[in-house]
Amino acid sequence: MVESTMWHPVALAVDVAQTPLAAQLLEQALVLWRDASGAVQALADQCPHRGARLSLGRVTADGRLECPYHGWQFAGGGQCMHVPALPSFAPPATHCARHFAAREAHGLVWVRMAPGDGAVPTFAAEDDARLRKLNCGPYDVEASAPRIIENFLDMSHFGFVHEGWLGSRDAASIDDYRVESTATGLLATGCKAWQPQSNLHSTAAAQVEYTYEVTAPYAAVLTKVPEAGTTAVDGWRESIALFICPITPVRSRVWFRLAVADFDSPDHKLQAFQHTIFTQDQPVLESQMPQRLPLDLRAELHTAADKASSAYRRFLRQSGITFGVC
């Protein structure tokens, strides 16, 4: 499937150390660790000898992953390097665990299940030194990755799911906005919403302008700028990336990458605001039926306020996405 050739986030980079870490992606159990050089490695979490979970093992002093059952040792590329029961045995190339490409970006570890030429989803704010970056999550959600992306693109739920925060039911009208197709998904501009508290430092209700960009089938970025004079921090602006690990077709792990014009607030305060917003979304997301996102636009009703999500569904269909959709 095409999803296997894409890069997906599977763990916070700081959580991958010298102890094996279990993860899951596209219904495949993974084990992550750092080799002697500090590079992140990813294997199938199953020893090819007798099927034990490699994540229950340990990392040796020379950076090999040791199986907990019989002590077989594997190098980063998956090749078995040592069988303790036969110290003089030189394992052949066929004695190997399944290896996956792994890399670090945006404070996360990303894994690709099959060869491909795509890049890790971009986050333009990452290289902006005027913005502070930190991650929020993970959140384990009983919903498909496409349902979660579509919710992220949706402004018309603000006055109901986030009433008193990002919206009000008395000001739920959505002005027209622009949506254009891009190579990675879509770009929505001119998106405006009246918000009682658009960010941690809001001092008054404000008209906030959003830009949304889908940067990969399971990744999206929003930027928002409130009206001048409505925040305690002059020149406040922020950009938030949503990165999703599709664990199963109907279960996902979610991270937010925050880029904010605030170098003074402690991490937990910035994360707490995002946590409040997403935990308001989560029960609604987990209630949606079907759990997989319908790509046939006739399967659910749509209005002009939903044109970003309609464009997203068309993009998924055109891209050949099958995981998490119906």
C-alpha atoms as a PDB file:
ATOM      1  CA  MET A   1       0.000   0.000   0.000  1.00  0.00           C
ATOM      2  CA  VAL A   2       1.141   3.547  -0.711  1.00  0.00           C
ATOM      3  CA  GLU A   3       1.117   4.485   2.990  1.00  0.00           C
ATOM      4  CA  SER A   4       4.034   2.126   3.646  1.00  0.00           C
ATOM      5  CA  THR A   5       6.320   4.239   1.417  1.00  0.00           C
ATOM      6  CA  MET A   6       5.647   7.397   3.484  1.00  0.00           C
ATOM      7  CA  TRP A   7       7.377   8.629   6.623  1.00  0.00           C
ATOM      8  CA  HIS A   8       5.285   8.406   9.800  1.00  0.00           C
ATOM      9  CA  PRO A   9       6.004   9.581  13.382  1.00  0.00           C
ATOM     10  CA  VAL A  10       6.255   6.760  15.914  1.00  0.00           C
ATOM     11  CA  ALA A  11       7.825   8.219  19.102  1.00  0.00           C
ATOM     12  CA  LEU A  12       9.263  11.301  20.748  1.00  0.00           C
ATOM     13  CA  ALA A  13      12.964  11.428  19.950  1.00  0.00           C
ATOM     14  CA  VAL A  14      13.832  11.936  23.634  1.00  0.00           C
ATOM     15  CA  ASP A  15      12.070   8.673  24.498  1.00  0.00           C
ATOM     16  CA  VAL A  16      14.349   6.609  22.262  1.00  0.00           C
ATOM     17  CA  ALA A  17      17.529   5.878  24.180  1.00  0.00           C
ATOM     18  CA  GLN A  18      19.691   2.904  25.110  1.00  0.00           C
ATOM     19  CA  THR A  19      16.670   0.927  26.280  1.00  0.00           C
ATOM     20  CA  PRO A  20      14.496  -0.745  23.598  1.00  0.00           C
ATOM     21  CA  LEU A  21      11.194   1.065  23.018  1.00  0.00           C
ATOM     22  CA  ALA A  22       8.110  -0.663  21.599  1.00  0.00           C
ATOM     23  CA  ALA A  23       6.025   1.188  19.006  1.00  0.00           C
ATOM     24  CA  GLN A  24       3.440   0.342  16.359  1.00  0.00           C
ATOM     25  CA  LEU A  25       2.815   1.627  12.834  1.00  0.00           C
ATOM     26  CA  LEU A  26       0.370   0.448  10.176  1.00  0.00           C
ATOM     27  CA  GLU A  27      -0.456  -2.632  12.302  1.00  0.00           C
ATOM     28  CA  GLN A  28       3.236  -3.567  12.476  1.00  0.00           C
ATOM     29  CA  ALA A  29       4.892  -3.893  15.910  1.00  0.00           C
ATOM     30  CA  LEU A  30       8.254  -2.082  16.010  1.00  0.00           C
ATOM     31  CA  VAL A  31      11.201  -1.834  18.368  1.00  0.00           C
ATOM     32  CA  LEU A  32      13.311   1.331  18.451  1.00  0.00           C
ATOM     33  CA  TRP A  33      16.709   1.958  20.010  1.00  0.00           C
ATOM     34  CA  ARG A  34      19.923   3.901  19.526  1.00  0.00           C
ATOM     35  CA  ASP A  35      23.044   2.159  18.316  1.00  0.00           C
ATOM     36  CA  ALA A  36      26.601   2.893  19.474  1.00  0.00           C
ATOM     37  CA  SER A  37      26.759   5.996  17.241  1.00  0.00           C
ATOM     38  CA  GLY A  38      23.503   7.383  18.689  1.00  0.00           C
ATOM     39  CA  ALA A  39      21.534   6.779  15.478  1.00  0.00           C
ATOM     40  CA  VAL A  40      17.955   5.597  15.856  1.00  0.00           C
ATOM     41  CA  GLN A  41      17.267   2.085  14.563  1.00  0.00           C
ATOM     42  CA  ALA A  42      13.947   0.357  13.909  1.00  0.00           C
ATOM     43  CA  LEU A  43      13.238  -3.367  13.558  1.00  0.00           C
ATOM     44  CA  ALA A  44      10.135  -5.519  13.545  1.00  0.00           C
ATOM     45  CA  ASP A  45       9.439  -6.325  17.195  1.00  0.00           C
ATOM     46  CA  GLN A  46       9.787 -10.067  16.639  1.00  0.00           C
ATOM     47  CA  CYS A  47      12.924 -12.138  16.872  1.00  0.00           C
ATOM     48  CA  PRO A  48      13.302 -14.259  13.704  1.00  0.00           C
ATOM     49  CA  HIS A  49      14.555 -17.158  15.849  1.00  0.00           C
ATOM     50  CA  ARG A  50      11.533 -17.955  18.070  1.00  0.00           C
ATOM     51  CA  GLY A  51       9.309 -14.919  17.753  1.00  0.00           C
ATOM     52  CA  ALA A  52       9.947 -13.224  21.110  1.00  0.00           C
ATOM     53  CA  ARG A  53       9.401  -9.469  21.402  1.00  0.00           C
ATOM     54  CA  LEU A  54      12.768  -7.798  20.946  1.00  0.00           C
ATOM     55  CA  SER A  55      11.524  -4.768  22.889  1.00  0.00           C
ATOM     56  CA  LEU A  56      11.727  -6.924  26.039  1.00  0.00           C
ATOM     57  CA  GLY A  57      15.477  -7.284  25.514  1.00  0.00           C
ATOM     58  CA  ARG A  58      18.323  -4.867  26.083  1.00  0.00           C
ATOM     59  CA  VAL A  59      20.910  -2.843  24.189  1.00  0.00           C
ATOM     60  CA  THR A  60      24.482  -4.107  24.625  1.00  0.00           C
ATOM     61  CA  ALA A  61      27.479  -1.908  25.360  1.00  0.00           C
ATOM     62  CA  ASP A  62      28.406  -1.952  21.660  1.00  0.00           C
ATOM     63  CA  GLY A  63      24.923  -0.834  20.552  1.00  0.00           C
ATOM     64  CA  ARG A  64      23.430  -4.159  19.464  1.00  0.00           C
ATOM     65  CA  LEU A  65      19.870  -5.176  20.281  1.00  0.00           C
ATOM     66  CA  GLU A  66      19.794  -8.375  22.339  1.00  0.00           C
ATOM     67  CA  CYS A  67      16.784 -10.712  22.273  1.00  0.00           C
ATOM     68  CA  PRO A  68      15.411 -11.473  25.782  1.00  0.00           C
ATOM     69  CA  TYR A  69      14.832 -15.174  24.982  1.00  0.00           C
ATOM     70  CA  HIS A  70      18.123 -16.634  23.719  1.00  0.00           C
ATOM     71  CA  GLY A  71      20.364 -13.572  23.644  1.00  0.00           C
ATOM     72  CA  TRP A  72      20.723 -13.309  19.886  1.00  0.00           C
ATOM     73  CA  GLN A  73      22.287  -9.928  19.073  1.00  0.00           C
ATOM     74  CA  PHE A  74      21.267  -7.786  16.129  1.00  0.00           C
ATOM     75  CA  ALA A  75      23.027  -4.851  14.504  1.00  0.00           C
ATOM     76  CA  GLY A  76      21.133  -1.724  13.488  1.00  0.00           C
ATOM     77  CA  GLY A  77      20.461  -3.054   9.994  1.00  0.00           C
ATOM     78  CA  GLY A  78      18.855  -6.193  11.420  1.00  0.00           C
ATOM     79  CA  GLN A  79      21.711  -8.629  10.809  1.00  0.00           C
ATOM     80  CA  CYS A  80      22.263 -11.183  13.576  1.00  0.00           C
ATOM     81  CA  MET A  81      25.821 -10.753  14.835  1.00  0.00           C
ATOM     82  CA  HIS A  82      26.049 -13.242  17.699  1.00  0.00           C
ATOM     83  CA  VAL A  83      24.324 -16.447  18.894  1.00  0.00           C
ATOM     84  CA  PRO A  84      25.435 -17.141  22.499  1.00  0.00           C
ATOM     85  CA  ALA A  85      24.590 -20.860  22.293  1.00  0.00           C
ATOM     86  CA  LEU A  86      27.137 -21.183  19.441  1.00  0.00           C
ATOM     87  CA  PRO A  87      29.945 -18.688  20.186  1.00  0.00           C
ATOM     88  CA  SER A  88      31.986 -19.630  17.116  1.00  0.00           C
ATOM     89  CA  PHE A  89      29.015 -19.581  14.735  1.00  0.00           C
ATOM     90  CA  ALA A  90      29.057 -16.830  12.097  1.00  0.00           C
ATOM     91  CA  PRO A  91      25.383 -16.060  11.347  1.00  0.00           C
ATOM     92  CA  PRO A  92      24.683 -15.916   7.586  1.00  0.00           C
ATOM     93  CA  ALA A  93      22.916 -12.994   5.921  1.00  0.00           C
ATOM     94  CA  THR A  94      19.626 -14.895   6.132  1.00  0.00           C
ATOM     95  CA  HIS A  95      19.756 -14.681   9.951  1.00  0.00           C
ATOM     96  CA  CYS A  96      18.307 -11.205  10.255  1.00  0.00           C
ATOM     97  CA  ALA A  97      15.362  -9.275  11.687  1.00  0.00           C
ATOM     98  CA  ARG A  98      13.221  -7.080   9.447  1.00  0.00           C
ATOM     99  CA  HIS A  99      14.680  -3.587   9.347  1.00  0.00           C
ATOM    100  CA  PHE A 100      12.926  -0.272   8.616  1.00  0.00           C
ATOM    101  CA  ALA A 101      14.353   3.139   7.730  1.00  0.00           C
ATOM    102  CA  ALA A 102      14.244   5.619  10.627  1.00  0.00           C
ATOM    103  CA  ARG A 103      15.173   9.268  11.076  1.00  0.00           C
ATOM    104  CA  GLU A 104      14.620  12.182  13.441  1.00  0.00           C
ATOM    105  CA  ALA A 105      12.752  15.401  12.632  1.00  0.00           C
ATOM    106  CA  HIS A 106      10.541  17.872  14.527  1.00  0.00           C
ATOM    107  CA  GLY A 107      11.479  16.287  17.848  1.00  0.00           C
ATOM    108  CA  LEU A 108      10.068  12.921  16.721  1.00  0.00           C
ATOM    109  CA  VAL A 109      11.334   9.638  15.331  1.00  0.00           C
ATOM    110  CA  TRP A 110       9.910   8.843  11.890  1.00  0.00           C
ATOM    111  CA  VAL A 111       9.784   5.405  10.270  1.00  0.00           C
ATOM    112  CA  ARG A 112       9.151   4.324   6.683  1.00  0.00           C
ATOM    113  CA  MET A 113       7.998   0.745   6.151  1.00  0.00           C
ATOM    114  CA  ALA A 114       9.009   0.381   2.489  1.00  0.00           C
ATOM    115  CA  PRO A 115      11.376   2.218   0.131  1.00  0.00           C
ATOM    116  CA  GLY A 116      10.063   5.510  -1.227  1.00  0.00           C
ATOM    117  CA  ASP A 117      11.276   8.896  -2.379  1.00  0.00           C
ATOM    118  CA  GLY A 118       9.019  11.097  -0.265  1.00  0.00           C
ATOM    119  CA  ALA A 119      10.283  13.400   2.480  1.00  0.00           C
ATOM    120  CA  VAL A 120       9.250  13.804   6.109  1.00  0.00           C
ATOM    121  CA  PRO A 121       6.310  16.262   6.221  1.00  0.00           C
ATOM    122  CA  THR A 122       7.540  19.846   6.339  1.00  0.00           C
ATOM    123  CA  PHE A 123       6.980  22.362   9.121  1.00  0.00           C
ATOM    124  CA  ALA A 124       8.064  25.798   7.886  1.00  0.00           C
ATOM    125  CA  ALA A 125       8.195  27.259  11.404  1.00  0.00           C
ATOM    126  CA  GLU A 126      10.847  24.736  12.439  1.00  0.00           C
ATOM    127  CA  ASP A 127      13.677  26.935  11.152  1.00  0.00           C
ATOM    128  CA  ASP A 128      12.235  30.238  12.440  1.00  0.00           C
ATOM    129  CA  ALA A 129      14.474  31.278  15.352  1.00  0.00           C
ATOM    130  CA  ARG A 130      11.830  33.815  16.464  1.00  0.00           C
ATOM    131  CA  LEU A 131       9.519  30.961  17.439  1.00  0.00           C
ATOM    132  CA  ARG A 132      10.035  28.509  20.273  1.00  0.00           C
ATOM    133  CA  LYS A 133       9.364  24.865  19.474  1.00  0.00           C
ATOM    134  CA  LEU A 134       8.040  22.118  21.734  1.00  0.00           C
ATOM    135  CA  ASN A 135       5.919  18.992  21.401  1.00  0.00           C
ATOM    136  CA  CYS A 136       2.610  18.127  23.013  1.00  0.00           C
ATOM    137  CA  GLY A 137       1.468  14.515  23.322  1.00  0.00           C
ATOM    138  CA  PRO A 138       1.264  11.727  22.484  1.00  0.00           C
ATOM    139  CA  TYR A 139      -2.469  11.145  22.566  1.00  0.00           C
ATOM    140  CA  ASP A 140      -3.836   7.693  21.781  1.00  0.00           C
ATOM    141  CA  VAL A 141      -7.129   8.138  19.973  1.00  0.00           C
ATOM    142  CA  GLU A 142      -9.716   5.557  18.938  1.00  0.00           C
ATOM    143  CA  ALA A 143     -10.244   7.229  15.573  1.00  0.00           C
ATOM    144  CA  SER A 144      -8.695   6.995  12.135  1.00  0.00           C
ATOM    145  CA  ALA A 145      -5.888   9.359  11.194  1.00  0.00           C
ATOM    146  CA  PRO A 146      -7.937  10.964   8.373  1.00  0.00           C
ATOM    147  CA  ARG A 147     -10.832  11.722  10.754  1.00  0.00           C
ATOM    148  CA  ILE A 148      -8.368  13.512  13.053  1.00  0.00           C
ATOM    149  CA  ILE A 149      -6.845  15.549  10.205  1.00  0.00           C
ATOM    150  CA  GLU A 150     -10.292  16.555   8.982  1.00  0.00           C
ATOM    151  CA  ASN A 151     -11.239  17.748  12.483  1.00  0.00           C
ATOM    152  CA  PHE A 152      -8.056  19.846  12.557  1.00  0.00           C
ATOM    153  CA  LEU A 153      -9.129  21.572   9.324  1.00  0.00           C
ATOM    154  CA  ASP A 154     -12.663  22.260  10.553  1.00  0.00           C
ATOM    155  CA  MET A 155     -13.569  25.691  11.999  1.00  0.00           C
ATOM    156  CA  SER A 156     -17.330  25.291  12.225  1.00  0.00           C
ATOM    157  CA  HIS A 157     -17.078  23.103  15.336  1.00  0.00           C
ATOM    158  CA  PHE A 158     -15.282  25.820  17.345  1.00  0.00           C
ATOM    159  CA  GLY A 159     -18.438  27.348  18.850  1.00  0.00           C
ATOM    160  CA  PHE A 160     -19.725  23.987  20.063  1.00  0.00           C
ATOM    161  CA  VAL A 161     -16.820  21.686  20.933  1.00  0.00           C
ATOM    162  CA  HIS A 162     -14.591  24.578  22.109  1.00  0.00           C
ATOM    163  CA  GLU A 163     -17.223  27.023  23.352  1.00  0.00           C
ATOM    164  CA  GLY A 164     -15.689  29.744  25.510  1.00  0.00           C
ATOM    165  CA  TRP A 165     -12.237  28.975  24.133  1.00  0.00           C
ATOM    166  CA  LEU A 166     -11.966  28.935  20.339  1.00  0.00           C
ATOM    167  CA  GLY A 167     -15.552  29.934  19.628  1.00  0.00           C
ATOM    168  CA  SER A 168     -19.090  30.732  20.688  1.00  0.00           C
ATOM    169  CA  ARG A 169     -22.370  29.226  19.519  1.00  0.00           C
ATOM    170  CA  ASP A 170     -23.636  32.809  19.152  1.00  0.00           C
ATOM    171  CA  ALA A 171     -20.891  33.597  16.645  1.00  0.00           C
ATOM    172  CA  ALA A 172     -20.643  30.341  14.695  1.00  0.00           C
ATOM    173  CA  SER A 173     -20.916  31.807  11.191  1.00  0.00           C
ATOM    174  CA  ILE A 174     -18.016  30.928   8.879  1.00  0.00           C
ATOM    175  CA  ASP A 175     -17.038  33.454   6.231  1.00  0.00           C
ATOM    176  CA  ASP A 176     -15.990  32.211   2.828  1.00  0.00           C
ATOM    177  CA  TYR A 177     -12.353  31.178   2.510  1.00  0.00           C
ATOM    178  CA  ARG A 178     -10.045  29.956  -0.231  1.00  0.00           C
ATOM    179  CA  VAL A 179      -8.851  26.393  -0.809  1.00  0.00           C
ATOM    180  CA  GLU A 180      -6.269  25.371  -3.403  1.00  0.00           C
ATOM    181  CA  SER A 181      -4.673  22.035  -4.179  1.00  0.00           C
ATOM    182  CA  THR A 182      -0.957  21.544  -3.557  1.00  0.00           C
ATOM    183  CA  ALA A 183       1.509  18.742  -4.204  1.00  0.00           C
ATOM    184  CA  THR A 184       1.185  17.563  -0.582  1.00  0.00           C
ATOM    185  CA  GLY A 185      -2.541  18.128  -0.099  1.00  0.00           C
ATOM    186  CA  LEU A 186      -4.162  21.533   0.151  1.00  0.00           C
ATOM    187  CA  LEU A 187      -3.777  25.112   1.334  1.00  0.00           C
ATOM    188  CA  ALA A 188      -6.700  27.001   2.913  1.00  0.00           C
ATOM    189  CA  THR A 189      -6.302  30.756   3.391  1.00  0.00           C
ATOM    190  CA  GLY A 190      -8.458  33.621   4.569  1.00  0.00           C
ATOM    191  CA  CYS A 191     -10.010  31.450   7.284  1.00  0.00           C
ATOM    192  CA  LYS A 192     -11.458  33.647  10.030  1.00  0.00           C
ATOM    193  CA  ALA A 193     -13.026  32.870  13.377  1.00  0.00           C
ATOM    194  CA  TRP A 194     -14.197  34.941  16.358  1.00  0.00           C
ATOM    195  CA  GLN A 195     -12.564  33.475  19.448  1.00  0.00           C
ATOM    196  CA  PRO A 196     -13.029  34.254  23.174  1.00  0.00           C
ATOM    197  CA  GLN A 197      -9.562  32.842  23.964  1.00  0.00           C
ATOM    198  CA  SER A 198      -7.435  31.960  20.975  1.00  0.00           C
ATOM    199  CA  ASN A 199      -4.237  31.272  22.914  1.00  0.00           C
ATOM    200  CA  LEU A 200      -2.629  31.138  26.341  1.00  0.00           C
ATOM    201  CA  HIS A 201      -2.023  34.903  26.426  1.00  0.00           C
ATOM    202  CA  SER A 202      -5.380  36.169  25.149  1.00  0.00           C
ATOM    203  CA  THR A 203      -6.630  39.263  26.976  1.00  0.00           C
ATOM    204  CA  ALA A 204      -9.809  39.800  24.954  1.00  0.00           C
ATOM    205  CA  ALA A 205     -12.017  38.081  22.416  1.00  0.00           C
ATOM    206  CA  ALA A 206     -10.583  38.507  18.948  1.00  0.00           C
ATOM    207  CA  GLN A 207     -11.056  37.884  15.264  1.00  0.00           C
ATOM    208  CA  VAL A 208      -8.338  35.385  14.395  1.00  0.00           C
ATOM    209  CA  GLU A 209      -7.131  34.567  10.896  1.00  0.00           C
ATOM    210  CA  TYR A 210      -6.025  31.017  10.166  1.00  0.00           C
ATOM    211  CA  THR A 211      -4.075  29.367   7.388  1.00  0.00           C
ATOM    212  CA  TYR A 212      -4.286  25.594   7.072  1.00  0.00           C
ATOM    213  CA  GLU A 213      -1.978  23.370   5.048  1.00  0.00           C
ATOM    214  CA  VAL A 214      -2.125  19.611   4.583  1.00  0.00           C
ATOM    215  CA  THR A 215       1.527  18.604   4.256  1.00  0.00           C
ATOM    216  CA  ALA A 216       1.029  14.811   3.948  1.00  0.00           C
ATOM    217  CA  PRO A 217      -1.959  12.448   4.106  1.00  0.00           C
ATOM    218  CA  TYR A 218      -1.675  12.284   7.915  1.00  0.00           C
ATOM    219  CA  ALA A 219      -0.040  15.647   8.673  1.00  0.00           C
ATOM    220  CA  ALA A 220      -1.253  19.243   8.688  1.00  0.00           C
ATOM    221  CA  VAL A 221      -0.151  22.683   9.882  1.00  0.00           C
ATOM    222  CA  LEU A 222      -2.116  25.717  11.001  1.00  0.00           C
ATOM    223  CA  THR A 223      -0.888  29.240  11.589  1.00  0.00           C
ATOM    224  CA  LYS A 224      -2.985  31.813  13.385  1.00  0.00           C
ATOM    225  CA  VAL A 225      -2.604  35.502  14.090  1.00  0.00           C
ATOM    226  CA  PRO A 226      -5.045  37.291  16.447  1.00  0.00           C
ATOM    227  CA  GLU A 227      -6.026  40.931  16.150  1.00  0.00           C
ATOM    228  CA  ALA A 228      -3.403  43.361  17.421  1.00  0.00           C
ATOM    229  CA  GLY A 229      -3.828  44.315  21.054  1.00  0.00           C
ATOM    230  CA  THR A 230      -5.734  41.187  22.099  1.00  0.00           C
ATOM    231  CA  THR A 231      -2.817  39.285  23.634  1.00  0.00           C
ATOM    232  CA  ALA A 232      -0.466  39.990  26.527  1.00  0.00           C
ATOM    233  CA  VAL A 233       2.498  39.244  24.264  1.00  0.00           C
ATOM    234  CA  ASP A 234       3.137  41.872  21.595  1.00  0.00           C
ATOM    235  CA  GLY A 235       3.328  40.427  18.102  1.00  0.00           C
ATOM    236  CA  TRP A 236       1.931  37.068  19.191  1.00  0.00           C
ATOM    237  CA  ARG A 237       1.762  34.472  16.449  1.00  0.00           C
ATOM    238  CA  GLU A 238       1.918  30.757  16.409  1.00  0.00           C
ATOM    239  CA  SER A 239       2.115  27.753  14.140  1.00  0.00           C
ATOM    240  CA  ILE A 240       0.953  24.287  15.137  1.00  0.00           C
ATOM    241  CA  ALA A 241       1.750  21.068  13.295  1.00  0.00           C
ATOM    242  CA  LEU A 242      -0.348  17.940  13.708  1.00  0.00           C
ATOM    243  CA  PHE A 243       1.580  14.707  13.130  1.00  0.00           C
ATOM    244  CA  ILE A 244      -0.264  11.382  13.325  1.00  0.00           C
ATOM    245  CA  CYS A 245       0.957   7.812  13.561  1.00  0.00           C
ATOM    246  CA  PRO A 246      -1.686   5.509  11.994  1.00  0.00           C
ATOM    247  CA  ILE A 247      -1.480   2.506  14.326  1.00  0.00           C
ATOM    248  CA  THR A 248      -4.498   0.637  12.930  1.00  0.00           C
ATOM    249  CA  PRO A 249      -7.152   1.820  10.487  1.00  0.00           C
ATOM    250  CA  VAL A 250      -9.216   3.082  13.449  1.00  0.00           C
ATOM    251  CA  ARG A 251      -6.599   3.870  16.118  1.00  0.00           C
ATOM    252  CA  SER A 252      -4.002   6.628  16.027  1.00  0.00           C
ATOM    253  CA  ARG A 253      -1.250   8.242  18.067  1.00  0.00           C
ATOM    254  CA  VAL A 254      -1.156  12.030  17.861  1.00  0.00           C
ATOM    255  CA  TRP A 255       1.470  14.699  18.493  1.00  0.00           C
ATOM    256  CA  PHE A 256       1.330  18.474  18.156  1.00  0.00           C
ATOM    257  CA  ARG A 257       4.467  20.460  17.390  1.00  0.00           C
ATOM    258  CA  LEU A 258       4.029  23.994  18.758  1.00  0.00           C
ATOM    259  CA  ALA A 259       5.952  26.981  17.416  1.00  0.00           C
ATOM    260  CA  VAL A 260       5.092  30.067  19.452  1.00  0.00           C
ATOM    261  CA  ALA A 261       6.374  33.614  19.995  1.00  0.00           C
ATOM    262  CA  ASP A 262       6.886  32.939  23.705  1.00  0.00           C
ATOM    263  CA  PHE A 263      10.241  32.128  25.273  1.00  0.00           C
ATOM    264  CA  ASP A 264       9.167  32.841  28.855  1.00  0.00           C
ATOM    265  CA  SER A 265       6.233  30.564  29.757  1.00  0.00           C
ATOM    266  CA  PRO A 266       7.147  27.121  31.091  1.00  0.00           C
ATOM    267  CA  ASP A 267       6.598  24.195  28.760  1.00  0.00           C
ATOM    268  CA  HIS A 268       3.740  22.802  30.831  1.00  0.00           C
ATOM    269  CA  LYS A 269       1.669  25.982  30.484  1.00  0.00           C
ATOM    270  CA  LEU A 270       2.002  26.062  26.710  1.00  0.00           C
ATOM    271  CA  GLN A 271       1.258  22.351  26.512  1.00  0.00           C
ATOM    272  CA  ALA A 272      -1.715  22.671  28.881  1.00  0.00           C
ATOM    273  CA  PHE A 273      -3.590  25.006  26.522  1.00  0.00           C
ATOM    274  CA  GLN A 274      -3.159  22.616  23.590  1.00  0.00           C
ATOM    275  CA  HIS A 275      -4.073  19.698  25.860  1.00  0.00           C
ATOM    276  CA  THR A 276      -7.337  21.386  26.849  1.00  0.00           C
ATOM    277  CA  ILE A 277      -8.315  21.977  23.234  1.00  0.00           C
ATOM    278  CA  PHE A 278      -7.508  18.472  22.000  1.00  0.00           C
ATOM    279  CA  THR A 279      -9.135  16.671  24.903  1.00  0.00           C
ATOM    280  CA  GLN A 280     -12.314  18.547  24.003  1.00  0.00           C
ATOM    281  CA  ASP A 281     -11.986  17.169  20.457  1.00  0.00           C
ATOM    282  CA  GLN A 282     -11.102  13.609  21.429  1.00  0.00           C
ATOM    283  CA  PRO A 283     -14.479  12.278  22.695  1.00  0.00           C
ATOM    284  CA  VAL A 284     -16.238  13.687  19.636  1.00  0.00           C
ATOM    285  CA  LEU A 285     -13.657  12.154  17.306  1.00  0.00           C
ATOM    286  CA  GLU A 286     -14.037   8.791  19.029  1.00  0.00           C
ATOM    287  CA  SER A 287     -17.826   8.972  18.637  1.00  0.00           C
ATOM    288  CA  GLN A 288     -17.839   9.406  14.855  1.00  0.00           C
ATOM    289  CA  MET A 289     -19.283   6.632  12.728  1.00  0.00           C
ATOM    290  CA  PRO A 290     -17.943   5.193  10.604  1.00  0.00           C
ATOM    291  CA  GLN A 291     -14.557   5.454  12.285  1.00  0.00           C
ATOM    292  CA  ARG A 292     -12.845   5.385   8.901  1.00  0.00           C
ATOM    293  CA  LEU A 293     -13.219   8.531   6.799  1.00  0.00           C
ATOM    294  CA  PRO A 294     -15.610   8.072   3.834  1.00  0.00           C
ATOM    295  CA  LEU A 295     -13.986   9.207   0.599  1.00  0.00           C
ATOM    296  CA  ASP A 296     -17.218   9.071  -1.391  1.00  0.00           C
ATOM    297  CA  LEU A 297     -18.529  12.628  -0.981  1.00  0.00           C
ATOM    298  CA  ARG A 298     -22.075  11.253  -1.191  1.00  0.00           C
ATOM    299  CA  ALA A 299     -21.624   9.236   2.003  1.00  0.00           C
ATOM    300  CA  GLU A 300     -22.011  12.274   4.292  1.00  0.00           C
ATOM    301  CA  LEU A 301     -23.565  15.721   3.876  1.00  0.00           C
ATOM    302  CA  HIS A 302     -21.442  18.780   3.074  1.00  0.00           C
ATOM    303  CA  THR A 303     -21.829  22.569   2.926  1.00  0.00           C
ATOM    304  CA  ALA A 304     -19.644  25.429   1.704  1.00  0.00           C
ATOM    305  CA  ALA A 305     -18.172  25.658   5.219  1.00  0.00           C
ATOM    306  CA  ASP A 306     -16.761  22.143   4.712  1.00  0.00           C
ATOM    307  CA  LYS A 307     -14.857  22.769   1.497  1.00  0.00           C
ATOM    308  CA  ALA A 308     -11.438  22.217   3.099  1.00  0.00           C
ATOM    309  CA  SER A 309     -12.470  18.760   4.321  1.00  0.00           C
ATOM    310  CA  SER A 310     -14.067  17.946   0.963  1.00  0.00           C
ATOM    311  CA  ALA A 311     -10.796  18.897  -0.758  1.00  0.00           C
ATOM    312  CA  TYR A 312      -8.899  16.732   1.737  1.00  0.00           C
ATOM    313  CA  ARG A 313     -11.074  13.717   0.929  1.00  0.00           C
ATOM    314  CA  ARG A 314     -10.500  14.231  -2.798  1.00  0.00           C
ATOM    315  CA  PHE A 315      -6.751  14.444  -2.181  1.00  0.00           C
ATOM    316  CA  LEU A 316      -6.725  11.158  -0.255  1.00  0.00           C
ATOM    317  CA  ARG A 317      -8.620   9.410  -3.043  1.00  0.00           C
ATOM    318  CA  GLN A 318      -6.317  10.791  -5.724  1.00  0.00           C
ATOM    319  CA  SER A 319      -3.273   9.753  -3.689  1.00  0.00           C
ATOM    320  CA  GLY A 320      -4.425   6.143  -3.402  1.00  0.00           C
ATOM    321  CA  ILE A 321      -4.719   6.227   0.394  1.00  0.00           C
ATOM    322  CA  THR A 322      -6.517   3.154   1.766  1.00  0.00           C
ATOM    323  CA  PHE A 323      -5.522   3.034   5.460  1.00  0.00           C
ATOM    324  CA  GLY A 324      -8.135   4.664   7.697  1.00  0.00           C
ATOM    325  CA  VAL A 325     -10.614   5.435   4.931  1.00  0.00           C
ATOM    326  CA  CYS A 326     -13.640   3.742   3.410  1.00  0.00           C
END
